[in-house]
Amino acid sequence: MKVDVILGLQWGDEGKGKIVDYLASNYDIVARFQGGPNAGHTLKFDNQKFVLHTIPSGIFRAGLINLIGNGVVIDPITLEKESKTLDDANIDYMNRLLISKKAHLILPTHRNLDVASEAAKGLNKIGSTLKGIGPTYMDKTGRNGLRVGDIISPDFMNKYNVLKKKHLDLLKSFPSVDFDLESEEKRWFESIEFLKKFQFVNGEYYINEQLDKGKKILAEGAQGSMLDIDFGTYPFVTSSNTLTSGVCIGLGISPNRIGEVIGITKAYCTRVGSGPFPSELDNEQGEWLRQQGGEFGSTTGRARRCGWIDLVQLKYTIMLNGVTQLVMTKIDVLQDLESIEACVAYRINGEVTEEIPYEINDVKIETITQSFSGWNASTAGITVHSDLPKEAIVYLNSIEKSLGVPFTMISTGPERESLIIK
């Protein structure tokens, strides 16, 4: 068996949670492979809304195993909060949620460092969610990190104090910020006791053994491809590899065990925080998209920047990920527009290109767009592709042809059932 992959093709917030939740019933295991509580996967069903930051989105499917892989960084406080929302919804999850021993832990001092570092940048802030993600990954690559498996080590407190001291020394180089470390540390150790209730596994052995047994596995990504540490809009990126290649590192599988790669894009484009965004609409049209689409971060609450769909950017991430299927979400947001644009090329210094430039941050990019007629009709309740307004079909077919990958699902609303399967 092979691992199928689902990930976002833009700057995150593409609607991965809903699609994972829908597809999960076809799998035995859903495994999260990177990122941390800076992610926010929103799911809506049975008139309830859930936002998951660490727990895989397959947790709502009864009997399904969910694995937090070694590539994820875990804040025990956030994980306990999420778990309590599942308790409140009477979701049986404790025996279905496994955690890799090699996943790294976010300490209170990691979050303190994140707050202090971002504050010190002033106008050059990268838009961090201040969850301690970056400092945790820095300790991971610096070979100083604390991992889930260390919790059950008799030397745990010594390891914790050594890393804490390192962080306190680093904090002396930053201006003071408002962070109640003592209080946060108390909460953290209480949540560590809660974390001990879960089953810790050697994730790499577990996932490969399950594949050998014929189990079907879906790998769930966080953030978006344009936030990848290597191939995103650096330095305005996250601290992990958000691409298909990150599945191999984040779960411990070989490249030849990757199967279908399902890439998700919105019908338009959004971005949270700082960084380049060529197709951004910093005007009334962008504000309309923000309000119509409810574009406010599920993790931070920050308003998302909005713009037209960018086919140059999508071709780039489709290439990097080896996408075999496409999913479009939020087509319903566009249903009241008279006309819709799609970015098909960039003009940089008078030259037209369909490639993402190396220096995307400090170069003026003019977008070349293609116009489409709007459909001025509701897509609510439509479950068959041919029942969509003809203008919507033209828009979808044109984008599909340009990208060279078929759409297999179209989301027409936030609810689980608002989905067209092609």
Protein backbone atom coordinates (compact mmCIF):
# COMPACT_ATOMS: atom_id res chain seq x y z
CA MET A 1 0.00 0.00 0.00
CA LYS A 2 0.95 3.64 -0.45
CA VAL A 3 0.30 6.80 1.54
CA ASP A 4 -2.01 9.31 -0.13
CA VAL A 5 -1.27 12.95 0.64
CA ILE A 6 -3.52 15.97 1.03
CA LEU A 7 -2.04 19.45 1.26
CA GLY A 8 -2.68 23.12 0.51
CA LEU A 9 -1.31 24.66 -2.68
CA GLN A 10 -1.44 28.32 -1.68
CA TRP A 11 -0.49 30.17 1.53
CA GLY A 12 -2.66 28.02 3.78
CA ASP A 13 -6.34 28.27 4.80
CA GLU A 14 -7.43 26.39 1.66
CA GLY A 15 -9.99 24.26 3.51
CA LYS A 16 -7.91 21.13 4.12
CA GLY A 17 -9.74 20.15 7.30
CA LYS A 18 -13.10 19.70 5.60
CA ILE A 19 -11.63 17.66 2.75
CA VAL A 20 -9.63 15.41 5.09
CA ASP A 21 -12.76 14.87 7.17
CA TYR A 22 -14.70 13.88 4.05
CA LEU A 23 -12.03 11.58 2.65
CA ALA A 24 -11.17 10.00 6.01
CA SER A 25 -13.98 7.46 5.76
CA ASN A 26 -12.02 5.85 2.89
CA TYR A 27 -8.93 5.32 5.07
CA ASP A 28 -7.81 3.41 8.14
CA ILE A 29 -5.35 6.02 9.43
CA VAL A 30 -4.99 9.80 9.09
CA ALA A 31 -1.48 11.04 9.91
CA ARG A 32 -0.37 14.64 10.41
CA PHE A 33 3.21 15.05 9.17
CA GLN A 34 4.43 18.61 9.94
CA GLY A 35 3.65 21.97 11.49
CA GLY A 36 2.24 22.78 14.88
CA PRO A 37 -0.54 24.77 16.54
CA ASN A 38 0.00 27.60 14.06
CA ALA A 39 -2.30 25.54 11.82
CA GLY A 40 -6.06 25.78 12.11
CA HIS A 41 -8.20 23.19 10.32
CA THR A 42 -11.90 24.08 10.50
CA LEU A 43 -14.64 21.47 10.21
CA LYS A 44 -18.41 22.06 10.24
CA PHE A 45 -21.05 19.36 10.52
CA ASP A 46 -24.21 18.63 12.54
CA ASN A 47 -24.55 22.39 13.15
CA GLN A 48 -21.24 22.41 15.03
CA LYS A 49 -17.89 24.02 14.27
CA PHE A 50 -14.56 22.55 15.30
CA VAL A 51 -11.06 24.01 14.84
CA LEU A 52 -8.16 21.58 15.13
CA HIS A 53 -4.60 22.83 15.59
CA THR A 54 -2.66 19.62 16.30
CA ILE A 55 -5.04 16.65 16.19
CA PRO A 56 -5.53 15.19 12.66
CA SER A 57 -8.85 15.98 11.00
CA GLY A 58 -9.84 12.31 10.79
CA ILE A 59 -10.59 12.21 14.52
CA PHE A 60 -14.33 12.70 13.97
CA ARG A 61 -14.67 9.46 12.01
CA ALA A 62 -15.50 6.62 14.41
CA GLY A 63 -12.95 3.81 14.54
CA LEU A 64 -10.33 5.72 12.55
CA ILE A 65 -6.77 5.85 13.92
CA ASN A 66 -5.09 9.28 13.93
CA LEU A 67 -1.32 9.71 14.22
CA ILE A 68 0.63 12.85 15.11
CA GLY A 69 3.89 12.24 13.27
CA ASN A 70 7.46 13.03 14.24
CA GLY A 71 7.52 16.09 11.96
CA VAL A 72 4.91 17.86 14.11
CA VAL A 73 5.81 20.15 17.01
CA ILE A 74 3.39 19.82 19.93
CA ASP A 75 2.27 22.33 22.53
CA PRO A 76 0.80 20.16 25.34
CA ILE A 77 -1.46 23.03 26.46
CA THR A 78 -3.02 23.39 23.02
CA LEU A 79 -3.42 19.63 22.67
CA GLU A 80 -5.24 19.41 25.99
CA LYS A 81 -7.58 22.26 25.01
CA GLU A 82 -8.42 20.53 21.72
CA SER A 83 -9.02 17.26 23.51
CA LYS A 84 -11.50 18.92 25.84
CA THR A 85 -13.53 20.20 22.88
CA LEU A 86 -13.71 16.60 21.69
CA ASP A 87 -14.83 15.53 25.17
CA ASP A 88 -17.56 18.16 25.10
CA ALA A 89 -18.76 16.78 21.75
CA ASN A 90 -18.72 13.20 23.10
CA ILE A 91 -16.05 12.14 20.59
CA ASP A 92 -14.29 8.91 21.60
CA TYR A 93 -10.68 9.67 20.74
CA MET A 94 -8.26 8.61 23.50
CA ASN A 95 -7.58 5.14 22.09
CA ARG A 96 -7.56 6.40 18.49
CA LEU A 97 -4.96 9.16 18.79
CA LEU A 98 -1.33 8.04 18.67
CA ILE A 99 1.70 10.32 19.07
CA SER A 100 5.17 9.71 17.67
CA LYS A 101 7.85 9.65 20.34
CA LYS A 102 10.10 11.68 18.04
CA ALA A 103 7.70 14.65 17.78
CA HIS A 104 9.24 17.72 19.41
CA LEU A 105 7.68 19.62 22.31
CA ILE A 106 6.99 23.36 22.39
CA LEU A 107 8.11 24.73 25.77
CA PRO A 108 6.75 27.89 27.41
CA THR A 109 10.15 29.49 26.82
CA HIS A 110 9.84 28.70 23.09
CA ARG A 111 6.72 30.85 23.02
CA ASN A 112 8.44 33.52 25.10
CA LEU A 113 11.29 33.61 22.59
CA ASP A 114 8.84 33.81 19.68
CA VAL A 115 7.08 36.82 21.22
CA ALA A 116 10.36 38.57 22.05
CA SER A 117 11.96 37.88 18.68
CA GLU A 118 8.96 39.10 16.68
CA ALA A 119 8.64 42.24 18.82
CA ALA A 120 12.32 43.04 18.26
CA LYS A 121 11.87 42.95 14.46
CA GLY A 122 9.63 46.02 14.51
CA LEU A 123 8.46 46.84 10.99
CA ASN A 124 10.28 43.79 9.63
CA LYS A 125 8.01 41.28 11.37
CA ILE A 126 7.39 38.05 9.43
CA GLY A 127 3.88 37.63 10.81
CA SER A 128 4.58 34.81 13.27
CA THR A 129 1.56 33.31 15.07
CA LEU A 130 3.67 33.56 18.28
CA LYS A 131 3.01 29.90 19.11
CA GLY A 132 6.68 29.04 19.57
CA ILE A 133 6.90 27.08 16.31
CA GLY A 134 10.04 28.69 14.90
CA PRO A 135 12.13 28.47 18.09
CA THR A 136 11.09 24.82 18.52
CA TYR A 137 12.20 23.87 15.03
CA MET A 138 15.42 25.83 15.61
CA ASP A 139 16.15 23.68 18.67
CA LYS A 140 15.29 20.59 16.64
CA THR A 141 17.84 21.38 13.93
CA GLY A 142 20.26 22.68 16.57
CA ARG A 143 20.06 19.28 18.33
CA ASN A 144 18.82 20.78 21.56
CA GLY A 145 15.15 19.85 21.39
CA LEU A 146 12.93 18.05 23.86
CA ARG A 147 10.81 15.26 22.37
CA VAL A 148 7.63 13.47 23.39
CA GLY A 149 9.60 10.33 24.25
CA ASP A 150 11.63 12.34 26.77
CA ILE A 151 8.52 12.79 28.92
CA ILE A 152 8.81 9.22 30.19
CA SER A 153 12.57 9.45 30.71
CA PRO A 154 13.83 9.54 34.32
CA ASP A 155 16.08 12.41 33.18
CA PHE A 156 13.17 14.50 31.86
CA MET A 157 13.38 17.36 34.36
CA ASN A 158 17.10 17.74 33.88
CA LYS A 159 16.66 17.90 30.10
CA TYR A 160 13.87 20.42 30.52
CA ASN A 161 15.89 22.68 32.82
CA VAL A 162 18.95 22.62 30.56
CA LEU A 163 16.85 23.77 27.59
CA LYS A 164 14.98 26.33 29.68
CA LYS A 165 18.27 27.85 30.87
CA LYS A 166 19.47 28.14 27.28
CA HIS A 167 16.28 30.00 26.39
CA LEU A 168 16.49 32.34 29.39
CA ASP A 169 20.04 33.24 28.40
CA LEU A 170 18.87 33.98 24.85
CA LEU A 171 16.02 36.14 26.13
CA LYS A 172 18.54 38.48 27.76
CA SER A 173 19.49 39.69 24.27
CA PHE A 174 15.92 40.84 23.52
CA PRO A 175 13.93 43.74 24.94
CA SER A 176 11.57 42.67 27.72
CA VAL A 177 8.07 41.60 26.65
CA ASP A 178 4.87 40.84 28.55
CA PHE A 179 4.97 37.08 29.14
CA ASP A 180 4.02 35.41 32.44
CA LEU A 181 6.49 32.55 32.28
CA GLU A 182 5.76 31.20 35.75
CA SER A 183 2.04 30.89 35.05
CA GLU A 184 2.58 29.39 31.59
CA GLU A 185 5.07 26.89 32.97
CA LYS A 186 2.57 25.73 35.59
CA ARG A 187 -0.08 25.14 32.90
CA TRP A 188 2.48 23.37 30.72
CA PHE A 189 3.42 20.77 33.34
CA GLU A 190 -0.25 20.12 34.07
CA SER A 191 -0.77 19.46 30.36
CA ILE A 192 2.30 17.20 30.28
CA GLU A 193 0.49 14.95 32.76
CA PHE A 194 -2.51 14.92 30.43
CA LEU A 195 -0.24 14.10 27.48
CA LYS A 196 0.99 10.99 29.29
CA LYS A 197 -2.49 9.47 28.92
CA PHE A 198 -1.94 8.97 25.18
CA GLN A 199 -0.17 6.08 23.50
CA PHE A 200 3.34 7.03 22.35
CA VAL A 201 4.66 5.03 19.38
CA ASN A 202 7.76 4.70 17.26
CA GLY A 203 5.93 6.41 14.42
CA GLU A 204 8.23 5.33 11.60
CA TYR A 205 7.92 1.65 12.48
CA TYR A 206 4.19 1.95 13.12
CA ILE A 207 3.35 3.62 9.81
CA ASN A 208 5.42 1.20 7.71
CA GLU A 209 4.04 -1.84 9.53
CA GLN A 210 0.50 -0.64 8.88
CA LEU A 211 1.28 -0.15 5.18
CA ASP A 212 2.69 -3.67 5.03
CA LYS A 213 -0.58 -4.93 6.55
CA GLY A 214 -2.52 -3.29 3.73
CA LYS A 215 -3.89 -0.37 5.76
CA LYS A 216 -4.94 2.73 3.82
CA ILE A 217 -3.25 5.90 5.11
CA LEU A 218 -3.92 9.57 4.39
CA ALA A 219 -1.19 12.09 5.26
CA GLU A 220 -2.50 15.51 6.26
CA GLY A 221 -0.42 18.63 5.75
CA ALA A 222 -0.65 21.95 7.57
CA GLN A 223 -0.15 25.55 6.35
CA GLY A 224 0.34 25.82 2.56
CA SER A 225 2.94 25.01 -0.06
CA MET A 226 3.96 28.66 -0.48
CA LEU A 227 4.99 28.67 3.18
CA ASP A 228 7.50 25.84 2.75
CA ILE A 229 10.82 26.65 4.43
CA ASP A 230 12.81 25.87 1.27
CA PHE A 231 10.48 26.70 -1.63
CA GLY A 232 8.07 29.25 -0.17
CA THR A 233 8.31 33.04 -0.20
CA TYR A 234 11.35 33.06 2.10
CA PRO A 235 11.79 34.50 4.72
CA PHE A 236 8.02 34.92 5.04
CA VAL A 237 7.49 31.20 5.51
CA THR A 238 6.87 28.63 8.22
CA SER A 239 9.63 26.53 9.79
CA SER A 240 8.87 23.14 8.22
CA ASN A 241 8.59 21.47 4.82
CA THR A 242 4.93 21.73 3.83
CA LEU A 243 5.36 19.87 0.51
CA THR A 244 4.86 16.21 -0.37
CA SER A 245 8.54 15.63 0.35
CA GLY A 246 7.82 16.59 3.96
CA VAL A 247 5.65 13.47 4.30
CA CYS A 248 8.72 11.23 4.01
CA ILE A 249 10.59 13.11 6.74
CA GLY A 250 7.56 13.84 8.89
CA LEU A 251 6.29 10.26 9.03
CA GLY A 252 9.35 8.16 8.26
CA ILE A 253 8.40 6.61 4.93
CA SER A 254 10.35 6.27 1.70
CA PRO A 255 9.43 8.26 -1.44
CA ASN A 256 8.25 5.14 -3.26
CA ARG A 257 5.47 4.76 -0.70
CA ILE A 258 3.74 8.00 -1.79
CA GLY A 259 0.52 7.41 -3.75
CA GLU A 260 -2.05 10.02 -4.77
CA VAL A 261 -1.25 13.67 -4.05
CA ILE A 262 -4.39 15.74 -3.59
CA GLY A 263 -3.78 19.48 -3.80
CA ILE A 264 -6.31 22.02 -2.51
CA THR A 265 -6.82 25.54 -3.80
CA LYS A 266 -9.43 28.15 -3.08
CA ALA A 267 -11.40 29.66 -5.97
CA TYR A 268 -9.45 32.81 -5.13
CA CYS A 269 -6.35 33.32 -2.98
CA THR A 270 -5.58 34.47 0.58
CA ARG A 271 -2.61 35.04 2.82
CA VAL A 272 -2.21 35.82 6.52
CA GLY A 273 0.61 38.02 7.78
CA SER A 274 3.50 39.65 5.97
CA GLY A 275 5.15 38.63 2.73
CA PRO A 276 4.69 38.88 -1.04
CA PHE A 277 1.27 38.24 -2.58
CA PRO A 278 1.33 39.15 -6.31
CA SER A 279 -2.43 38.82 -6.97
CA GLU A 280 -3.50 40.64 -3.79
CA LEU A 281 -6.46 43.02 -4.07
CA ASP A 282 -5.65 45.74 -1.57
CA ASN A 283 -8.91 47.55 -2.34
CA GLU A 284 -12.69 47.33 -1.98
CA GLN A 285 -12.79 44.14 -4.04
CA GLY A 286 -10.33 42.47 -1.67
CA GLU A 287 -12.35 43.61 1.33
CA TRP A 288 -15.51 42.23 -0.26
CA LEU A 289 -13.84 38.83 -0.70
CA ARG A 290 -12.66 38.95 2.93
CA GLN A 291 -16.14 39.63 4.27
CA GLN A 292 -17.97 37.31 1.89
CA GLY A 293 -15.54 34.46 2.53
CA GLY A 294 -15.21 35.02 6.27
CA GLU A 295 -11.48 35.35 5.78
CA PHE A 296 -10.25 35.69 9.33
CA GLY A 297 -7.62 33.33 10.73
CA SER A 298 -8.94 30.29 12.60
CA THR A 299 -5.77 30.30 14.73
CA THR A 300 -5.08 34.02 15.25
CA GLY A 301 -8.31 35.74 14.21
CA ARG A 302 -6.28 38.04 11.97
CA ALA A 303 -7.87 39.33 8.77
CA ARG A 304 -6.58 37.48 5.73
CA ARG A 305 -5.31 39.36 2.71
CA CYS A 306 -7.37 38.44 -0.36
CA GLY A 307 -6.79 38.36 -4.11
CA TRP A 308 -7.59 36.57 -7.34
CA ILE A 309 -6.49 32.99 -7.96
CA ASP A 310 -2.86 32.90 -9.15
CA LEU A 311 -2.18 30.23 -11.78
CA VAL A 312 1.56 31.02 -11.92
CA GLN A 313 1.79 30.23 -8.22
CA LEU A 314 -0.41 27.13 -8.52
CA LYS A 315 1.63 25.67 -11.40
CA TYR A 316 4.72 26.10 -9.22
CA THR A 317 3.30 24.23 -6.23
CA ILE A 318 1.70 21.54 -8.41
CA MET A 319 5.15 20.92 -9.89
CA LEU A 320 6.86 20.78 -6.49
CA ASN A 321 4.27 18.45 -4.97
CA GLY A 322 3.62 16.09 -7.88
CA VAL A 323 -0.12 16.75 -7.57
CA THR A 324 -2.34 14.11 -9.18
CA GLN A 325 -5.77 15.49 -8.17
CA LEU A 326 -7.10 18.98 -7.49
CA VAL A 327 -9.78 20.18 -5.11
CA MET A 328 -11.29 23.66 -5.30
CA THR A 329 -12.94 25.17 -2.24
CA LYS A 330 -15.06 28.29 -1.66
CA ILE A 331 -16.42 28.58 -5.18
CA ASP A 332 -19.63 29.74 -3.48
CA VAL A 333 -17.87 32.94 -2.33
CA LEU A 334 -17.62 34.11 -5.96
CA GLN A 335 -21.27 33.48 -6.83
CA ASP A 336 -22.43 37.13 -6.62
CA LEU A 337 -19.67 38.67 -8.77
CA GLU A 338 -20.29 40.16 -12.22
CA SER A 339 -16.79 39.23 -13.34
CA ILE A 340 -13.85 37.22 -11.98
CA GLU A 341 -10.14 37.45 -12.74
CA ALA A 342 -7.38 34.85 -12.73
CA CYS A 343 -3.67 35.72 -12.79
CA VAL A 344 -2.07 33.85 -15.70
CA ALA A 345 1.39 35.47 -15.88
CA TYR A 346 3.67 38.07 -14.27
CA ARG A 347 5.35 41.07 -15.86
CA ILE A 348 8.65 41.90 -14.12
CA ASN A 349 10.85 44.73 -15.42
CA GLY A 350 8.97 44.60 -18.71
CA GLU A 351 9.47 40.85 -19.17
CA VAL A 352 6.53 38.42 -19.11
CA THR A 353 7.10 35.21 -17.17
CA GLU A 354 5.13 32.24 -15.85
CA GLU A 355 7.76 31.41 -13.23
CA ILE A 356 8.04 32.44 -9.59
CA PRO A 357 11.15 34.65 -9.42
CA TYR A 358 13.92 34.00 -6.91
CA GLU A 359 13.71 37.56 -5.57
CA ILE A 360 9.97 37.83 -5.09
CA ASN A 361 10.07 40.06 -2.01
CA ASP A 362 11.70 43.21 -3.34
CA VAL A 363 10.64 43.16 -6.97
CA LYS A 364 7.59 44.87 -8.46
CA ILE A 365 5.30 42.27 -10.03
CA GLU A 366 2.51 43.26 -12.38
CA THR A 367 -0.08 40.52 -12.79
CA ILE A 368 -1.49 39.64 -16.20
CA THR A 369 -5.04 38.40 -15.79
CA GLN A 370 -7.75 36.60 -17.71
CA SER A 371 -11.35 37.69 -17.18
CA PHE A 372 -14.33 35.39 -16.68
CA SER A 373 -18.03 36.14 -16.51
CA GLY A 374 -19.58 35.71 -13.08
CA TRP A 375 -22.59 33.45 -12.62
CA ASN A 376 -24.76 35.43 -10.20
CA ALA A 377 -26.43 32.27 -8.96
CA SER A 378 -26.23 30.26 -5.75
CA THR A 379 -24.29 26.99 -5.71
CA ALA A 380 -25.95 25.88 -2.46
CA GLY A 381 -27.16 22.30 -2.55
CA ILE A 382 -25.49 21.46 -5.86
CA THR A 383 -23.85 18.03 -5.72
CA VAL A 384 -23.46 17.30 -9.44
CA HIS A 385 -20.84 19.11 -11.51
CA SER A 386 -23.08 19.56 -14.56
CA ASP A 387 -25.69 21.34 -12.40
CA LEU A 388 -23.33 24.23 -11.71
CA PRO A 389 -24.04 27.50 -13.56
CA LYS A 390 -22.47 27.35 -17.01
CA GLU A 391 -20.20 30.31 -16.23
CA ALA A 392 -18.85 28.48 -13.18
CA ILE A 393 -18.14 25.41 -15.32
CA VAL A 394 -16.28 27.60 -17.85
CA TYR A 395 -14.18 29.05 -14.99
CA LEU A 396 -13.37 25.60 -13.58
CA ASN A 397 -12.63 24.02 -16.95
CA SER A 398 -10.31 26.85 -17.97
CA ILE A 399 -8.32 26.61 -14.73
CA GLU A 400 -8.17 22.82 -14.95
CA LYS A 401 -6.85 23.01 -18.53
CA SER A 402 -4.24 25.61 -17.57
CA LEU A 403 -3.00 23.60 -14.58
CA GLY A 404 -3.00 20.26 -16.37
CA VAL A 405 -4.43 18.35 -13.39
CA PRO A 406 -8.09 17.32 -12.99
CA PHE A 407 -10.45 18.64 -10.35
CA THR A 408 -11.97 15.69 -8.51
CA MET A 409 -13.87 17.67 -5.84
CA ILE A 410 -15.51 21.10 -5.71
CA SER A 411 -16.57 22.51 -2.35
CA THR A 412 -19.67 24.71 -2.44
CA GLY A 413 -19.85 25.59 1.25
CA PRO A 414 -18.25 24.97 4.65
CA GLU A 415 -20.47 22.04 5.64
CA ARG A 416 -19.38 18.43 5.24
CA GLU A 417 -22.14 17.68 2.70
CA SER A 418 -21.52 20.78 0.51
CA LEU A 419 -19.32 18.98 -1.96
CA ILE A 420 -19.34 17.99 -5.62
CA ILE A 421 -17.53 14.75 -6.43
CA LYS A 422 -16.48 14.51 -10.07
